[in-house]
Amino acid sequence: MAQAMRTQSSPPPISLFSTDGKSHPLQDALMAATLVLGAVAFVTAFFHNLHLLSSWAGLIGILTGAYGQFISVTTRERFALIIGLGASAFGFFLGMAHGGLFGGWLG
């Protein structure tokens, strides 16, 4: 009777909300890039002299995260992209407040 409770179309247990069971290499790459850029922007935003790095990493992280959200397929991708987007936006805004994208190089 135990086999009656088992479903044939259930995803593997390691999928973590990847419910369709297919691989999504582009979405996973954008998700990873957004998370890394968000982490860099978030950490460097706390240092006033690293405003160039935090603002540029934040801006690129926001753009990759926005495109990743546009083409995302699963809940796992969307969840990680929102975390990366939030960290990227935080780093971007603090980097802009500390000196901006160019930091006095242009005038």
PDB file of N, CA and C in Angstrom:
ATOM      1  N   MET A   1       0.805  -1.193   0.000  1.00  0.00           N
ATOM      2  CA  MET A   1       0.000   0.000   0.000  1.00  0.00           C
ATOM      3  C   MET A   1       0.851   1.260   0.000  1.00  0.00           C
ATOM      4  N   ALA A   2       2.123   1.150   0.352  1.00  0.00           N
ATOM      5  CA  ALA A   2       2.989   2.323   0.368  1.00  0.00           C
ATOM      6  C   ALA A   2       3.200   2.892  -1.026  1.00  0.00           C
ATOM      7  N   GLN A   3       3.182   2.045  -2.034  1.00  0.00           N
ATOM      8  CA  GLN A   3       3.374   2.543  -3.393  1.00  0.00           C
ATOM      9  C   GLN A   3       2.195   3.380  -3.871  1.00  0.00           C
ATOM     10  N   ALA A   4       1.037   3.250  -3.270  1.00  0.00           N
ATOM     11  CA  ALA A   4      -0.120   4.046  -3.661  1.00  0.00           C
ATOM     12  C   ALA A   4       0.042   5.507  -3.248  1.00  0.00           C
ATOM     13  N   MET A   5       0.824   5.771  -2.232  1.00  0.00           N
ATOM     14  CA  MET A   5       1.041   7.144  -1.763  1.00  0.00           C
ATOM     15  C   MET A   5       2.123   7.868  -2.559  1.00  0.00           C
ATOM     16  N   ARG A   6       2.908   7.162  -3.284  1.00  0.00           N
ATOM     17  CA  ARG A   6       4.008   7.753  -4.034  1.00  0.00           C
ATOM     18  C   ARG A   6       3.509   8.294  -5.369  1.00  0.00           C
ATOM     19  N   THR A   7       3.908   9.520  -5.706  1.00  0.00           N
ATOM     20  CA  THR A   7       3.526  10.089  -7.002  1.00  0.00           C
ATOM     21  C   THR A   7       4.650   9.889  -7.999  1.00  0.00           C
ATOM     22  N   GLN A   8       4.305   9.717  -9.227  1.00  0.00           N
ATOM     23  CA  GLN A   8       5.291   9.471 -10.274  1.00  0.00           C
ATOM     24  C   GLN A   8       5.954  10.750 -10.755  1.00  0.00           C
ATOM     25  N   SER A   9       5.284  11.883 -10.665  1.00  0.00           N
ATOM     26  CA  SER A   9       5.811  13.120 -11.231  1.00  0.00           C
ATOM     27  C   SER A   9       6.419  14.044 -10.177  1.00  0.00           C
ATOM     28  N   SER A  10       6.754  13.523  -9.014  1.00  0.00           N
ATOM     29  CA  SER A  10       7.326  14.386  -7.985  1.00  0.00           C
ATOM     30  C   SER A  10       8.774  14.729  -8.327  1.00  0.00           C
ATOM     31  N   PRO A  11       9.184  15.983  -8.083  1.00  0.00           N
ATOM     32  CA  PRO A  11      10.562  16.382  -8.382  1.00  0.00           C
ATOM     33  C   PRO A  11      11.529  15.736  -7.393  1.00  0.00           C
ATOM     34  N   PRO A  12      12.802  15.661  -7.746  1.00  0.00           N
ATOM     35  CA  PRO A  12      13.764  15.091  -6.810  1.00  0.00           C
ATOM     36  C   PRO A  12      13.839  15.937  -5.547  1.00  0.00           C
ATOM     37  N   PRO A  13      14.166  15.324  -4.399  1.00  0.00           N
ATOM     38  CA  PRO A  13      14.127  16.068  -3.137  1.00  0.00           C
ATOM     39  C   PRO A  13      15.162  17.189  -3.038  1.00  0.00           C
ATOM     40  N   ILE A  14      16.180  17.208  -3.869  1.00  0.00           N
ATOM     41  CA  ILE A  14      17.206  18.245  -3.792  1.00  0.00           C
ATOM     42  C   ILE A  14      16.836  19.472  -4.619  1.00  0.00           C
ATOM     43  N   SER A  15      15.712  19.469  -5.287  1.00  0.00           N
ATOM     44  CA  SER A  15      15.368  20.537  -6.214  1.00  0.00           C
ATOM     45  C   SER A  15      15.107  21.872  -5.534  1.00  0.00           C
ATOM     46  N   LEU A  16      14.586  21.878  -4.312  1.00  0.00           N
ATOM     47  CA  LEU A  16      14.324  23.100  -3.554  1.00  0.00           C
ATOM     48  C   LEU A  16      13.460  24.075  -4.360  1.00  0.00           C
ATOM     49  N   PHE A  17      12.241  23.698  -4.605  1.00  0.00           N
ATOM     50  CA  PHE A  17      11.221  24.470  -5.312  1.00  0.00           C
ATOM     51  C   PHE A  17      11.435  24.568  -6.821  1.00  0.00           C
ATOM     52  N   SER A  18      12.334  23.788  -7.372  1.00  0.00           N
ATOM     53  CA  SER A  18      12.463  23.723  -8.823  1.00  0.00           C
ATOM     54  C   SER A  18      11.430  22.717  -9.314  1.00  0.00           C
ATOM     55  N   THR A  19      10.206  23.151  -9.401  1.00  0.00           N
ATOM     56  CA  THR A  19       9.084  22.235  -9.525  1.00  0.00           C
ATOM     57  C   THR A  19       8.896  21.633 -10.900  1.00  0.00           C
ATOM     58  N   ASP A  20       9.485  22.189 -11.933  1.00  0.00           N
ATOM     59  CA  ASP A  20       9.243  21.625 -13.248  1.00  0.00           C
ATOM     60  C   ASP A  20      10.202  20.496 -13.596  1.00  0.00           C
ATOM     61  N   GLY A  21      11.268  20.303 -12.834  1.00  0.00           N
ATOM     62  CA  GLY A  21      12.187  19.199 -13.054  1.00  0.00           C
ATOM     63  C   GLY A  21      13.133  19.391 -14.223  1.00  0.00           C
ATOM     64  N   LYS A  22      13.168  20.548 -14.823  1.00  0.00           N
ATOM     65  CA  LYS A  22      14.051  20.824 -15.959  1.00  0.00           C
ATOM     66  C   LYS A  22      15.211  21.695 -15.497  1.00  0.00           C
ATOM     67  N   SER A  23      16.287  21.668 -16.254  1.00  0.00           N
ATOM     68  CA  SER A  23      17.423  22.540 -15.935  1.00  0.00           C
ATOM     69  C   SER A  23      17.251  23.881 -16.636  1.00  0.00           C
ATOM     70  N   HIS A  24      17.674  24.934 -15.961  1.00  0.00           N
ATOM     71  CA  HIS A  24      17.572  26.296 -16.491  1.00  0.00           C
ATOM     72  C   HIS A  24      18.934  26.962 -16.325  1.00  0.00           C
ATOM     73  N   PRO A  25      19.867  26.706 -17.226  1.00  0.00           N
ATOM     74  CA  PRO A  25      21.225  27.223 -17.038  1.00  0.00           C
ATOM     75  C   PRO A  25      21.327  28.741 -17.103  1.00  0.00           C
ATOM     76  N   LEU A  26      20.587  29.390 -17.976  1.00  0.00           N
ATOM     77  CA  LEU A  26      20.659  30.849 -18.070  1.00  0.00           C
ATOM     78  C   LEU A  26      20.088  31.496 -16.811  1.00  0.00           C
ATOM     79  N   GLN A  27      18.949  31.012 -16.363  1.00  0.00           N
ATOM     80  CA  GLN A  27      18.344  31.574 -15.166  1.00  0.00           C
ATOM     81  C   GLN A  27      19.212  31.323 -13.935  1.00  0.00           C
ATOM     82  N   ASP A  28      19.827  30.141 -13.861  1.00  0.00           N
ATOM     83  CA  ASP A  28      20.698  29.841 -12.723  1.00  0.00           C
ATOM     84  C   ASP A  28      21.961  30.704 -12.748  1.00  0.00           C
ATOM     85  N   ALA A  29      22.490  30.974 -13.929  1.00  0.00           N
ATOM     86  CA  ALA A  29      23.671  31.833 -14.034  1.00  0.00           C
ATOM     87  C   ALA A  29      23.339  33.268 -13.641  1.00  0.00           C
ATOM     88  N   LEU A  30      22.186  33.764 -14.077  1.00  0.00           N
ATOM     89  CA  LEU A  30      21.772  35.107 -13.685  1.00  0.00           C
ATOM     90  C   LEU A  30      21.500  35.191 -12.188  1.00  0.00           C
ATOM     91  N   MET A  31      20.945  34.128 -11.627  1.00  0.00           N
ATOM     92  CA  MET A  31      20.686  34.091 -10.195  1.00  0.00           C
ATOM     93  C   MET A  31      21.995  34.129  -9.413  1.00  0.00           C
ATOM     94  N   ALA A  32      22.970  33.338  -9.838  1.00  0.00           N
ATOM     95  CA  ALA A  32      24.261  33.319  -9.151  1.00  0.00           C
ATOM     96  C   ALA A  32      24.986  34.657  -9.290  1.00  0.00           C
ATOM     97  N   ALA A  33      24.954  35.237 -10.486  1.00  0.00           N
ATOM     98  CA  ALA A  33      25.610  36.528 -10.703  1.00  0.00           C
ATOM     99  C   ALA A  33      24.969  37.621  -9.869  1.00  0.00           C
ATOM    100  N   THR A  34      23.651  37.606  -9.779  1.00  0.00           N
ATOM    101  CA  THR A  34      22.953  38.611  -8.976  1.00  0.00           C
ATOM    102  C   THR A  34      23.282  38.464  -7.503  1.00  0.00           C
ATOM    103  N   LEU A  35      23.345  37.223  -7.017  1.00  0.00           N
ATOM    104  CA  LEU A  35      23.683  37.000  -5.610  1.00  0.00           C
ATOM    105  C   LEU A  35      25.112  37.436  -5.293  1.00  0.00           C
ATOM    106  N   VAL A  36      26.047  37.141  -6.184  1.00  0.00           N
ATOM    107  CA  VAL A  36      27.445  37.536  -5.951  1.00  0.00           C
ATOM    108  C   VAL A  36      27.593  39.048  -6.021  1.00  0.00           C
ATOM    109  N   LEU A  37      27.011  39.669  -7.023  1.00  0.00           N
ATOM    110  CA  LEU A  37      27.089  41.125  -7.139  1.00  0.00           C
ATOM    111  C   LEU A  37      26.380  41.817  -5.982  1.00  0.00           C
ATOM    112  N   GLY A  38      25.276  41.253  -5.536  1.00  0.00           N
ATOM    113  CA  GLY A  38      24.576  41.806  -4.390  1.00  0.00           C
ATOM    114  C   GLY A  38      25.402  41.715  -3.120  1.00  0.00           C
ATOM    115  N   ALA A  39      26.086  40.589  -2.929  1.00  0.00           N
ATOM    116  CA  ALA A  39      26.932  40.435  -1.747  1.00  0.00           C
ATOM    117  C   ALA A  39      28.102  41.416  -1.781  1.00  0.00           C
ATOM    118  N   VAL A  40      28.713  41.575  -2.944  1.00  0.00           N
ATOM    119  CA  VAL A  40      29.827  42.525  -3.074  1.00  0.00           C
ATOM    120  C   VAL A  40      29.346  43.950  -2.819  1.00  0.00           C
ATOM    121  N   ALA A  41      28.233  44.316  -3.420  1.00  0.00           N
ATOM    122  CA  ALA A  41      27.705  45.676  -3.246  1.00  0.00           C
ATOM    123  C   ALA A  41      27.306  45.927  -1.800  1.00  0.00           C
ATOM    124  N   PHE A  42      26.696  44.941  -1.156  1.00  0.00           N
ATOM    125  CA  PHE A  42      26.247  45.102   0.222  1.00  0.00           C
ATOM    126  C   PHE A  42      27.421  45.273   1.170  1.00  0.00           C
ATOM    127  N   VAL A  43      28.435  44.440   1.015  1.00  0.00           N
ATOM    128  CA  VAL A  43      29.585  44.498   1.933  1.00  0.00           C
ATOM    129  C   VAL A  43      30.405  45.763   1.710  1.00  0.00           C
ATOM    130  N   THR A  44      30.655  46.116   0.466  1.00  0.00           N
ATOM    131  CA  THR A  44      31.485  47.292   0.201  1.00  0.00           C
ATOM    132  C   THR A  44      30.751  48.602   0.456  1.00  0.00           C
ATOM    133  N   ALA A  45      29.433  48.559   0.577  1.00  0.00           N
ATOM    134  CA  ALA A  45      28.682  49.790   0.849  1.00  0.00           C
ATOM    135  C   ALA A  45      28.979  50.346   2.233  1.00  0.00           C
ATOM    136  N   PHE A  46      29.485  49.535   3.139  1.00  0.00           N
ATOM    137  CA  PHE A  46      29.778  49.989   4.493  1.00  0.00           C
ATOM    138  C   PHE A  46      31.114  50.724   4.597  1.00  0.00           C
ATOM    139  N   PHE A  47      31.886  50.740   3.526  1.00  0.00           N
ATOM    140  CA  PHE A  47      33.172  51.428   3.510  1.00  0.00           C
ATOM    141  C   PHE A  47      33.074  52.632   2.575  1.00  0.00           C
ATOM    142  N   HIS A  48      33.286  53.803   3.132  1.00  0.00           N
ATOM    143  CA  HIS A  48      33.077  55.044   2.387  1.00  0.00           C
ATOM    144  C   HIS A  48      33.984  55.143   1.169  1.00  0.00           C
ATOM    145  N   ASN A  49      35.212  54.668   1.277  1.00  0.00           N
ATOM    146  CA  ASN A  49      36.158  54.814   0.170  1.00  0.00           C
ATOM    147  C   ASN A  49      35.959  53.770  -0.932  1.00  0.00           C
ATOM    148  N   LEU A  50      35.046  52.820  -0.770  1.00  0.00           N
ATOM    149  CA  LEU A  50      34.776  51.817  -1.805  1.00  0.00           C
ATOM    150  C   LEU A  50      33.465  52.097  -2.548  1.00  0.00           C
ATOM    151  N   HIS A  51      33.097  53.380  -2.625  1.00  0.00           N
ATOM    152  CA  HIS A  51      31.818  53.722  -3.241  1.00  0.00           C
ATOM    153  C   HIS A  51      31.763  53.402  -4.717  1.00  0.00           C
ATOM    154  N   LEU A  52      32.899  53.443  -5.414  1.00  0.00           N
ATOM    155  CA  LEU A  52      32.889  53.093  -6.835  1.00  0.00           C
ATOM    156  C   LEU A  52      32.533  51.631  -7.027  1.00  0.00           C
ATOM    157  N   LEU A  53      33.151  50.770  -6.236  1.00  0.00           N
ATOM    158  CA  LEU A  53      32.875  49.339  -6.344  1.00  0.00           C
ATOM    159  C   LEU A  53      31.440  49.019  -5.938  1.00  0.00           C
ATOM    160  N   SER A  54      30.976  49.601  -4.862  1.00  0.00           N
ATOM    161  CA  SER A  54      29.612  49.290  -4.405  1.00  0.00           C
ATOM    162  C   SER A  54      28.555  49.822  -5.365  1.00  0.00           C
ATOM    163  N   SER A  55      28.764  51.008  -5.910  1.00  0.00           N
ATOM    164  CA  SER A  55      27.756  51.555  -6.813  1.00  0.00           C
ATOM    165  C   SER A  55      27.722  50.807  -8.146  1.00  0.00           C
ATOM    166  N   TRP A  56      28.889  50.466  -8.702  1.00  0.00           N
ATOM    167  CA  TRP A  56      28.897  49.736  -9.967  1.00  0.00           C
ATOM    168  C   TRP A  56      28.417  48.299  -9.804  1.00  0.00           C
ATOM    169  N   ALA A  57      28.864  47.625  -8.742  1.00  0.00           N
ATOM    170  CA  ALA A  57      28.389  46.255  -8.502  1.00  0.00           C
ATOM    171  C   ALA A  57      26.889  46.257  -8.246  1.00  0.00           C
ATOM    172  N   GLY A  58      26.399  47.259  -7.522  1.00  0.00           N
ATOM    173  CA  GLY A  58      24.964  47.358  -7.276  1.00  0.00           C
ATOM    174  C   GLY A  58      24.170  47.601  -8.542  1.00  0.00           C
ATOM    175  N   LEU A  59      24.663  48.484  -9.398  1.00  0.00           N
ATOM    176  CA  LEU A  59      23.956  48.784 -10.643  1.00  0.00           C
ATOM    177  C   LEU A  59      23.897  47.559 -11.554  1.00  0.00           C
ATOM    178  N   ILE A  60      25.024  46.882 -11.709  1.00  0.00           N
ATOM    179  CA  ILE A  60      25.044  45.687 -12.560  1.00  0.00           C
ATOM    180  C   ILE A  60      24.200  44.583 -11.937  1.00  0.00           C
ATOM    181  N   GLY A  61      24.231  44.466 -10.606  1.00  0.00           N
ATOM    182  CA  GLY A  61      23.397  43.479  -9.928  1.00  0.00           C
ATOM    183  C   GLY A  61      21.915  43.760 -10.098  1.00  0.00           C
ATOM    184  N   ILE A  62      21.545  45.020 -10.072  1.00  0.00           N
ATOM    185  CA  ILE A  62      20.134  45.385 -10.284  1.00  0.00           C
ATOM    186  C   ILE A  62      19.702  45.018 -11.706  1.00  0.00           C
ATOM    187  N   LEU A  63      20.550  45.298 -12.680  1.00  0.00           N
ATOM    188  CA  LEU A  63      20.199  44.996 -14.073  1.00  0.00           C
ATOM    189  C   LEU A  63      20.110  43.498 -14.333  1.00  0.00           C
ATOM    190  N   THR A  64      21.089  42.725 -13.830  1.00  0.00           N
ATOM    191  CA  THR A  64      21.030  41.274 -14.034  1.00  0.00           C
ATOM    192  C   THR A  64      19.863  40.654 -13.267  1.00  0.00           C
ATOM    193  N   GLY A  65      19.590  41.174 -12.082  1.00  0.00           N
ATOM    194  CA  GLY A  65      18.463  40.655 -11.310  1.00  0.00           C
ATOM    195  C   GLY A  65      17.122  40.964 -11.952  1.00  0.00           C
ATOM    196  N   ALA A  66      17.008  42.148 -12.526  1.00  0.00           N
ATOM    197  CA  ALA A  66      15.749  42.516 -13.188  1.00  0.00           C
ATOM    198  C   ALA A  66      15.512  41.643 -14.416  1.00  0.00           C
ATOM    199  N   TYR A  67      16.557  41.397 -15.192  1.00  0.00           N
ATOM    200  CA  TYR A  67      16.398  40.515 -16.350  1.00  0.00           C
ATOM    201  C   TYR A  67      16.139  39.079 -15.908  1.00  0.00           C
ATOM    202  N   GLY A  68      16.800  38.662 -14.846  1.00  0.00           N
ATOM    203  CA  GLY A  68      16.556  37.326 -14.318  1.00  0.00           C
ATOM    204  C   GLY A  68      15.133  37.150 -13.838  1.00  0.00           C
ATOM    205  N   GLN A  69      14.570  38.169 -13.202  1.00  0.00           N
ATOM    206  CA  GLN A  69      13.177  38.108 -12.781  1.00  0.00           C
ATOM    207  C   GLN A  69      12.247  38.037 -13.993  1.00  0.00           C
ATOM    208  N   PHE A  70      12.618  38.723 -15.049  1.00  0.00           N
ATOM    209  CA  PHE A  70      11.787  38.742 -16.255  1.00  0.00           C
ATOM    210  C   PHE A  70      11.693  37.357 -16.893  1.00  0.00           C
ATOM    211  N   ILE A  71      12.798  36.591 -16.869  1.00  0.00           N
ATOM    212  CA  ILE A  71      12.800  35.291 -17.535  1.00  0.00           C
ATOM    213  C   ILE A  71      12.774  34.119 -16.564  1.00  0.00           C
ATOM    214  N   SER A  72      12.619  34.362 -15.267  1.00  0.00           N
ATOM    215  CA  SER A  72      12.651  33.272 -14.293  1.00  0.00           C
ATOM    216  C   SER A  72      11.452  32.347 -14.472  1.00  0.00           C
ATOM    217  N   VAL A  73      11.663  31.091 -14.082  1.00  0.00           N
ATOM    218  CA  VAL A  73      10.645  30.076 -14.285  1.00  0.00           C
ATOM    219  C   VAL A  73      10.149  29.509 -12.958  1.00  0.00           C
ATOM    220  N   THR A  74      11.038  29.328 -11.989  1.00  0.00           N
ATOM    221  CA  THR A  74      10.662  28.643 -10.758  1.00  0.00           C
ATOM    222  C   THR A  74      10.688  29.593  -9.561  1.00  0.00           C
ATOM    223  N   THR A  75      10.090  29.153  -8.490  1.00  0.00           N
ATOM    224  CA  THR A  75      10.055  29.929  -7.253  1.00  0.00           C
ATOM    225  C   THR A  75      11.456  30.077  -6.657  1.00  0.00           C
ATOM    226  N   ARG A  76      12.267  29.051  -6.763  1.00  0.00           N
ATOM    227  CA  ARG A  76      13.636  29.102  -6.240  1.00  0.00           C
ATOM    228  C   ARG A  76      14.422  30.233  -6.888  1.00  0.00           C
ATOM    229  N   GLU A  77      14.309  30.371  -8.188  1.00  0.00           N
ATOM    230  CA  GLU A  77      15.021  31.438  -8.895  1.00  0.00           C
ATOM    231  C   GLU A  77      14.510  32.808  -8.465  1.00  0.00           C
ATOM    232  N   ARG A  78      13.208  32.952  -8.373  1.00  0.00           N
ATOM    233  CA  ARG A  78      12.643  34.242  -8.004  1.00  0.00           C
ATOM    234  C   ARG A  78      13.022  34.642  -6.584  1.00  0.00           C
ATOM    235  N   PHE A  79      13.030  33.687  -5.669  1.00  0.00           N
ATOM    236  CA  PHE A  79      13.380  33.971  -4.282  1.00  0.00           C
ATOM    237  C   PHE A  79      14.824  34.450  -4.173  1.00  0.00           C
ATOM    238  N   ALA A  80      15.746  33.728  -4.797  1.00  0.00           N
ATOM    239  CA  ALA A  80      17.157  34.117  -4.740  1.00  0.00           C
ATOM    240  C   ALA A  80      17.400  35.435  -5.464  1.00  0.00           C
ATOM    241  N   LEU A  81      16.692  35.673  -6.556  1.00  0.00           N
ATOM    242  CA  LEU A  81      16.856  36.928  -7.285  1.00  0.00           C
ATOM    243  C   LEU A  81      16.389  38.119  -6.462  1.00  0.00           C
ATOM    244  N   ILE A  82      15.324  37.958  -5.694  1.00  0.00           N
ATOM    245  CA  ILE A  82      14.850  39.062  -4.859  1.00  0.00           C
ATOM    246  C   ILE A  82      15.861  39.366  -3.758  1.00  0.00           C
ATOM    247  N   ILE A  83      16.470  38.340  -3.181  1.00  0.00           N
ATOM    248  CA  ILE A  83      17.502  38.554  -2.163  1.00  0.00           C
ATOM    249  C   ILE A  83      18.690  39.306  -2.782  1.00  0.00           C
ATOM    250  N   GLY A  84      19.142  38.873  -3.949  1.00  0.00           N
ATOM    251  CA  GLY A  84      20.242  39.545  -4.629  1.00  0.00           C
ATOM    252  C   GLY A  84      19.896  40.955  -5.068  1.00  0.00           C
ATOM    253  N   LEU A  85      18.672  41.150  -5.522  1.00  0.00           N
ATOM    254  CA  LEU A  85      18.242  42.489  -5.928  1.00  0.00           C
ATOM    255  C   LEU A  85      18.207  43.446  -4.741  1.00  0.00           C
ATOM    256  N   GLY A  86      17.741  42.990  -3.609  1.00  0.00           N
ATOM    257  CA  GLY A  86      17.706  43.836  -2.421  1.00  0.00           C
ATOM    258  C   GLY A  86      19.096  44.240  -1.965  1.00  0.00           C
ATOM    259  N   ALA A  87      20.022  43.282  -1.956  1.00  0.00           N
ATOM    260  CA  ALA A  87      21.398  43.590  -1.565  1.00  0.00           C
ATOM    261  C   ALA A  87      22.065  44.510  -2.580  1.00  0.00           C
ATOM    262  N   SER A  88      21.806  44.285  -3.859  1.00  0.00           N
ATOM    263  CA  SER A  88      22.366  45.149  -4.899  1.00  0.00           C
ATOM    264  C   SER A  88      21.837  46.567  -4.793  1.00  0.00           C
ATOM    265  N   ALA A  89      20.547  46.699  -4.558  1.00  0.00           N
ATOM    266  CA  ALA A  89      19.958  48.036  -4.439  1.00  0.00           C
ATOM    267  C   ALA A  89      20.493  48.764  -3.214  1.00  0.00           C
ATOM    268  N   PHE A  90      20.638  48.056  -2.097  1.00  0.00           N
ATOM    269  CA  PHE A  90      21.203  48.658  -0.894  1.00  0.00           C
ATOM    270  C   PHE A  90      22.622  49.166  -1.164  1.00  0.00           C
ATOM    271  N   GLY A  91      23.456  48.337  -1.783  1.00  0.00           N
ATOM    272  CA  GLY A  91      24.817  48.745  -2.103  1.00  0.00           C
ATOM    273  C   GLY A  91      24.865  49.872  -3.106  1.00  0.00           C
ATOM    274  N   PHE A  92      23.989  49.821  -4.087  1.00  0.00           N
ATOM    275  CA  PHE A  92      23.947  50.877  -5.091  1.00  0.00           C
ATOM    276  C   PHE A  92      23.573  52.224  -4.476  1.00  0.00           C
ATOM    277  N   PHE A  93      22.536  52.237  -3.664  1.00  0.00           N
ATOM    278  CA  PHE A  93      22.082  53.498  -3.089  1.00  0.00           C
ATOM    279  C   PHE A  93      23.093  54.075  -2.103  1.00  0.00           C
ATOM    280  N   LEU A  94      23.718  53.235  -1.288  1.00  0.00           N
ATOM    281  CA  LEU A  94      24.741  53.757  -0.387  1.00  0.00           C
ATOM    282  C   LEU A  94      25.990  54.190  -1.154  1.00  0.00           C
ATOM    283  N   GLY A  95      26.330  53.471  -2.213  1.00  0.00           N
ATOM    284  CA  GLY A  95      27.452  53.891  -3.048  1.00  0.00           C
ATOM    285  C   GLY A  95      27.191  55.225  -3.728  1.00  0.00           C
ATOM    286  N   MET A  96      25.955  55.436  -4.160  1.00  0.00           N
ATOM    287  CA  MET A  96      25.604  56.724  -4.753  1.00  0.00           C
ATOM    288  C   MET A  96      25.644  57.834  -3.714  1.00  0.00           C
ATOM    289  N   ALA A  97      25.248  57.535  -2.498  1.00  0.00           N
ATOM    290  CA  ALA A  97      25.272  58.551  -1.442  1.00  0.00           C
ATOM    291  C   ALA A  97      26.697  58.906  -1.027  1.00  0.00           C
ATOM    292  N   HIS A  98      27.616  57.964  -1.166  1.00  0.00           N
ATOM    293  CA  HIS A  98      28.999  58.208  -0.755  1.00  0.00           C
ATOM    294  C   HIS A  98      29.856  58.826  -1.846  1.00  0.00           C
ATOM    295  N   GLY A  99      29.388  58.897  -3.076  1.00  0.00           N
ATOM    296  CA  GLY A  99      30.211  59.520  -4.101  1.00  0.00           C
ATOM    297  C   GLY A  99      29.796  59.210  -5.517  1.00  0.00           C
ATOM    298  N   GLY A 100      28.958  58.235  -5.706  1.00  0.00           N
ATOM    299  CA  GLY A 100      28.409  57.973  -7.028  1.00  0.00           C
ATOM    300  C   GLY A 100      29.212  57.012  -7.878  1.00  0.00           C
ATOM    301  N   LEU A 101      28.789  56.903  -9.119  1.00  0.00           N
ATOM    302  CA  LEU A 101      29.388  55.979 -10.053  1.00  0.00           C
ATOM    303  C   LEU A 101      30.766  56.411 -10.534  1.00  0.00           C
ATOM    304  N   PHE A 102      31.008  57.687 -10.576  1.00  0.00           N
ATOM    305  CA  PHE A 102      32.271  58.183 -11.099  1.00  0.00           C
ATOM    306  C   PHE A 102      33.124  58.844 -10.022  1.00  0.00           C
ATOM    307  N   GLY A 103      32.556  59.239  -8.922  1.00  0.00           N
ATOM    308  CA  GLY A 103      33.298  59.693  -7.767  1.00  0.00           C
ATOM    309  C   GLY A 103      34.228  60.868  -7.986  1.00  0.00           C
ATOM    310  N   GLY A 104      33.821  61.851  -8.750  1.00  0.00           N
ATOM    311  CA  GLY A 104      34.649  63.031  -8.967  1.00  0.00           C
ATOM    312  C   GLY A 104      35.565  62.929 -10.178  1.00  0.00           C
ATOM    313  N   TRP A 105      35.515  61.819 -10.903  1.00  0.00           N
ATOM    314  CA  TRP A 105      36.351  61.693 -12.095  1.00  0.00           C
ATOM    315  C   TRP A 105      35.850  62.583 -13.231  1.00  0.00           C
ATOM    316  N   LEU A 106      34.557  62.843 -13.264  1.00  0.00           N
ATOM    317  CA  LEU A 106      33.983  63.684 -14.315  1.00  0.00           C
ATOM    318  C   LEU A 106      33.490  64.998 -13.706  1.00  0.00           C
ATOM    319  N   GLY A 107      34.380  65.927 -13.585  1.00  0.00           N
ATOM    320  CA  GLY A 107      34.004  67.243 -13.123  1.00  0.00           C
ATOM    321  C   GLY A 107      33.831  67.276 -11.668  1.00  0.00           C
TER     322      GLY A 107
END
